[in-house]
């Protein structure tokens, strides 16, 4: 499960959409495993 908070950030506004497409949507569309890099500043802390 991908939480959009892990890939999107307020610092990038919509700059993360290309990363979502290339790292998640396209690989899944090809039947491959998806891997993504977390957004800058995302620490996992609540």
PDB file of N, CA and C in Angstrom:
ATOM      1  N   UNK A   1       0.844  -1.155   0.000  1.00  0.00           N
ATOM      2  CA  UNK A   1       0.000   0.000   0.000  1.00  0.00           C
ATOM      3  C   UNK A   1       0.898   1.230   0.000  1.00  0.00           C
ATOM      4  N   UNK A   2       0.615   2.108  -0.880  1.00  0.00           N
ATOM      5  CA  UNK A   2       1.350   3.364  -0.974  1.00  0.00           C
ATOM      6  C   UNK A   2       0.510   4.473  -0.372  1.00  0.00           C
ATOM      7  N   UNK A   3       1.092   5.163   0.582  1.00  0.00           N
ATOM      8  CA  UNK A   3       0.441   6.345   1.144  1.00  0.00           C
ATOM      9  C   UNK A   3       0.969   7.545   0.371  1.00  0.00           C
ATOM     10  N   UNK A   4       0.099   8.344  -0.160  1.00  0.00           N
ATOM     11  CA  UNK A   4       0.524   9.500  -0.947  1.00  0.00           C
ATOM     12  C   UNK A   4       1.411  10.432  -0.134  1.00  0.00           C
ATOM     13  N   UNK A   5       1.251  10.440   1.186  1.00  0.00           N
ATOM     14  CA  UNK A   5       2.110  11.265   2.037  1.00  0.00           C
ATOM     15  C   UNK A   5       3.576  10.875   1.912  1.00  0.00           C
ATOM     16  N   UNK A   6       3.842   9.610   1.529  1.00  0.00           N
ATOM     17  CA  UNK A   6       5.227   9.154   1.395  1.00  0.00           C
ATOM     18  C   UNK A   6       5.901   9.682   0.143  1.00  0.00           C
ATOM     19  N   UNK A   7       5.139   9.999  -0.869  1.00  0.00           N
ATOM     20  CA  UNK A   7       5.726  10.415  -2.139  1.00  0.00           C
ATOM     21  C   UNK A   7       5.464  11.895  -2.448  1.00  0.00           C
ATOM     22  N   UNK A   8       4.390  12.440  -1.926  1.00  0.00           N
ATOM     23  CA  UNK A   8       4.041  13.843  -2.163  1.00  0.00           C
ATOM     24  C   UNK A   8       4.554  14.710  -1.012  1.00  0.00           C
ATOM     25  N   UNK A   9       4.780  15.967  -1.297  1.00  0.00           N
ATOM     26  CA  UNK A   9       5.186  16.882  -0.232  1.00  0.00           C
ATOM     27  C   UNK A   9       4.701  18.292  -0.557  1.00  0.00           C
ATOM     28  N   UNK A  10       4.624  19.105   0.477  1.00  0.00           N
ATOM     29  CA  UNK A  10       4.229  20.504   0.283  1.00  0.00           C
ATOM     30  C   UNK A  10       5.350  21.275  -0.410  1.00  0.00           C
ATOM     31  N   UNK A  11       6.586  20.826  -0.243  1.00  0.00           N
ATOM     32  CA  UNK A  11       7.724  21.520  -0.836  1.00  0.00           C
ATOM     33  C   UNK A  11       7.741  21.378  -2.357  1.00  0.00           C
ATOM     34  N   UNK A  12       7.248  20.237  -2.866  1.00  0.00           N
ATOM     35  CA  UNK A  12       7.308  19.985  -4.297  1.00  0.00           C
ATOM     36  C   UNK A  12       6.004  20.299  -5.026  1.00  0.00           C
ATOM     37  N   UNK A  13       4.958  20.563  -4.315  1.00  0.00           N
ATOM     38  CA  UNK A  13       3.622  20.768  -4.856  1.00  0.00           C
ATOM     39  C   UNK A  13       3.261  19.639  -5.819  1.00  0.00           C
ATOM     40  N   UNK A  14       3.367  19.841  -7.105  1.00  0.00           N
ATOM     41  CA  UNK A  14       3.015  18.777  -8.039  1.00  0.00           C
ATOM     42  C   UNK A  14       4.241  18.180  -8.718  1.00  0.00           C
ATOM     43  N   UNK A  15       5.432  18.470  -8.224  1.00  0.00           N
ATOM     44  CA  UNK A  15       6.657  17.919  -8.780  1.00  0.00           C
ATOM     45  C   UNK A  15       6.794  16.425  -8.547  1.00  0.00           C
ATOM     46  N   UNK A  16       6.010  15.865  -7.662  1.00  0.00           N
ATOM     47  CA  UNK A  16       6.096  14.445  -7.325  1.00  0.00           C
ATOM     48  C   UNK A  16       5.307  13.560  -8.285  1.00  0.00           C
ATOM     49  N   UNK A  17       4.458  14.131  -9.132  1.00  0.00           N
ATOM     50  CA  UNK A  17       3.592  13.312  -9.987  1.00  0.00           C
ATOM     51  C   UNK A  17       4.383  12.492 -11.007  1.00  0.00           C
ATOM     52  N   UNK A  18       5.467  13.044 -11.528  1.00  0.00           N
ATOM     53  CA  UNK A  18       6.308  12.297 -12.459  1.00  0.00           C
ATOM     54  C   UNK A  18       6.958  11.104 -11.784  1.00  0.00           C
ATOM     55  N   UNK A  19       7.395  11.295 -10.539  1.00  0.00           N
ATOM     56  CA  UNK A  19       7.992  10.211  -9.754  1.00  0.00           C
ATOM     57  C   UNK A  19       6.962   9.116  -9.486  1.00  0.00           C
ATOM     58  N   UNK A  20       5.737   9.494  -9.184  1.00  0.00           N
ATOM     59  CA  UNK A  20       4.670   8.523  -8.961  1.00  0.00           C
ATOM     60  C   UNK A  20       4.426   7.697 -10.225  1.00  0.00           C
ATOM     61  N   UNK A  21       4.390   8.371 -11.354  1.00  0.00           N
ATOM     62  CA  UNK A  21       4.154   7.688 -12.624  1.00  0.00           C
ATOM     63  C   UNK A  21       5.296   6.728 -12.962  1.00  0.00           C
ATOM     64  N   UNK A  22       6.531   7.225 -12.925  1.00  0.00           N
ATOM     65  CA  UNK A  22       7.669   6.405 -13.364  1.00  0.00           C
ATOM     66  C   UNK A  22       8.060   5.328 -12.360  1.00  0.00           C
ATOM     67  N   UNK A  23       7.888   5.587 -11.065  1.00  0.00           N
ATOM     68  CA  UNK A  23       8.342   4.634 -10.057  1.00  0.00           C
ATOM     69  C   UNK A  23       7.252   3.688  -9.580  1.00  0.00           C
ATOM     70  N   UNK A  24       5.981   4.041  -9.781  1.00  0.00           N
ATOM     71  CA  UNK A  24       4.893   3.220  -9.250  1.00  0.00           C
ATOM     72  C   UNK A  24       3.915   2.766 -10.341  1.00  0.00           C
ATOM     73  N   UNK A  25       3.276   3.698 -10.998  1.00  0.00           N
ATOM     74  CA  UNK A  25       2.196   3.352 -11.927  1.00  0.00           C
ATOM     75  C   UNK A  25       2.701   2.570 -13.137  1.00  0.00           C
ATOM     76  N   UNK A  26       3.776   3.052 -13.771  1.00  0.00           N
ATOM     77  CA  UNK A  26       4.278   2.355 -14.964  1.00  0.00           C
ATOM     78  C   UNK A  26       4.782   0.946 -14.660  1.00  0.00           C
ATOM     79  N   UNK A  27       5.604   0.737 -13.608  1.00  0.00           N
ATOM     80  CA  UNK A  27       6.032  -0.631 -13.309  1.00  0.00           C
ATOM     81  C   UNK A  27       4.856  -1.561 -12.987  1.00  0.00           C
ATOM     82  N   UNK A  28       3.898  -1.092 -12.221  1.00  0.00           N
ATOM     83  CA  UNK A  28       2.737  -1.923 -11.901  1.00  0.00           C
ATOM     84  C   UNK A  28       1.945  -2.251 -13.160  1.00  0.00           C
ATOM     85  N   UNK A  29       1.856  -1.309 -14.078  1.00  0.00           N
ATOM     86  CA  UNK A  29       1.162  -1.524 -15.342  1.00  0.00           C
ATOM     87  C   UNK A  29       1.833  -2.601 -16.198  1.00  0.00           C
ATOM     88  N   UNK A  30       3.154  -2.771 -16.008  1.00  0.00           N
ATOM     89  CA  UNK A  30       3.895  -3.798 -16.736  1.00  0.00           C
ATOM     90  C   UNK A  30       3.929  -5.116 -15.966  1.00  0.00           C
ATOM     91  N   UNK A  31       3.264  -5.163 -14.796  1.00  0.00           N
ATOM     92  CA  UNK A  31       3.255  -6.372 -13.978  1.00  0.00           C
ATOM     93  C   UNK A  31       4.512  -6.532 -13.141  1.00  0.00           C
ATOM     94  N   UNK A  32       5.281  -5.451 -12.975  1.00  0.00           N
ATOM     95  CA  UNK A  32       6.521  -5.477 -12.203  1.00  0.00           C
ATOM     96  C   UNK A  32       6.277  -4.940 -10.791  1.00  0.00           C
ATOM     97  N   UNK A  33       7.248  -5.165  -9.932  1.00  0.00           N
ATOM     98  CA  UNK A  33       7.207  -4.610  -8.581  1.00  0.00           C
ATOM     99  C   UNK A  33       7.568  -3.127  -8.656  1.00  0.00           C
ATOM    100  N   UNK A  34       6.872  -2.318  -7.894  1.00  0.00           N
ATOM    101  CA  UNK A  34       7.144  -0.880  -7.867  1.00  0.00           C
ATOM    102  C   UNK A  34       8.003  -0.544  -6.658  1.00  0.00           C
ATOM    103  N   UNK A  35       8.930   0.380  -6.859  1.00  0.00           N
ATOM    104  CA  UNK A  35       9.773   0.911  -5.783  1.00  0.00           C
ATOM    105  C   UNK A  35       9.759   2.427  -5.934  1.00  0.00           C
ATOM    106  N   UNK A  36       9.678   3.150  -4.832  1.00  0.00           N
ATOM    107  CA  UNK A  36       9.643   4.606  -4.922  1.00  0.00           C
ATOM    108  C   UNK A  36      10.554   5.224  -3.884  1.00  0.00           C
ATOM    109  N   UNK A  37      11.037   6.410  -4.197  1.00  0.00           N
ATOM    110  CA  UNK A  37      11.832   7.160  -3.235  1.00  0.00           C
ATOM    111  C   UNK A  37      10.900   8.113  -2.508  1.00  0.00           C
ATOM    112  N   UNK A  38      11.105   8.213  -1.219  1.00  0.00           N
ATOM    113  CA  UNK A  38      10.241   9.073  -0.403  1.00  0.00           C
ATOM    114  C   UNK A  38      10.514  10.533  -0.707  1.00  0.00           C
ATOM    115  N   UNK A  39       9.495  11.325  -0.482  1.00  0.00           N
ATOM    116  CA  UNK A  39       9.611  12.769  -0.695  1.00  0.00           C
ATOM    117  C   UNK A  39      10.648  13.351   0.266  1.00  0.00           C
ATOM    118  N   UNK A  40      11.332  14.402  -0.185  1.00  0.00           N
ATOM    119  CA  UNK A  40      12.272  15.082   0.689  1.00  0.00           C
ATOM    120  C   UNK A  40      11.542  15.589   1.926  1.00  0.00           C
ATOM    121  N   UNK A  41      12.153  15.390   3.082  1.00  0.00           N
ATOM    122  CA  UNK A  41      11.560  15.882   4.310  1.00  0.00           C
ATOM    123  C   UNK A  41      10.600  14.926   4.967  1.00  0.00           C
ATOM    124  N   UNK A  42      10.290  13.787   4.335  1.00  0.00           N
ATOM    125  CA  UNK A  42       9.390  12.797   4.940  1.00  0.00           C
ATOM    126  C   UNK A  42      10.222  11.927   5.856  1.00  0.00           C
ATOM    127  N   UNK A  43       9.911  11.964   7.139  1.00  0.00           N
ATOM    128  CA  UNK A  43      10.707  11.218   8.121  1.00  0.00           C
ATOM    129  C   UNK A  43       9.976   9.999   8.646  1.00  0.00           C
ATOM    130  N   UNK A  44       8.697   9.907   8.436  1.00  0.00           N
ATOM    131  CA  UNK A  44       7.914   8.808   8.971  1.00  0.00           C
ATOM    132  C   UNK A  44       7.395   9.104  10.371  1.00  0.00           C
ATOM    133  N   UNK A  45       7.795  10.221  10.951  1.00  0.00           N
ATOM    134  CA  UNK A  45       7.316  10.602  12.273  1.00  0.00           C
ATOM    135  C   UNK A  45       5.906  11.146  12.186  1.00  0.00           C
ATOM    136  N   UNK A  46       5.130  10.880  13.196  1.00  0.00           N
ATOM    137  CA  UNK A  46       3.762  11.393  13.232  1.00  0.00           C
ATOM    138  C   UNK A  46       3.701  12.718  13.935  1.00  0.00           C
TER     139      UNK A  46
END
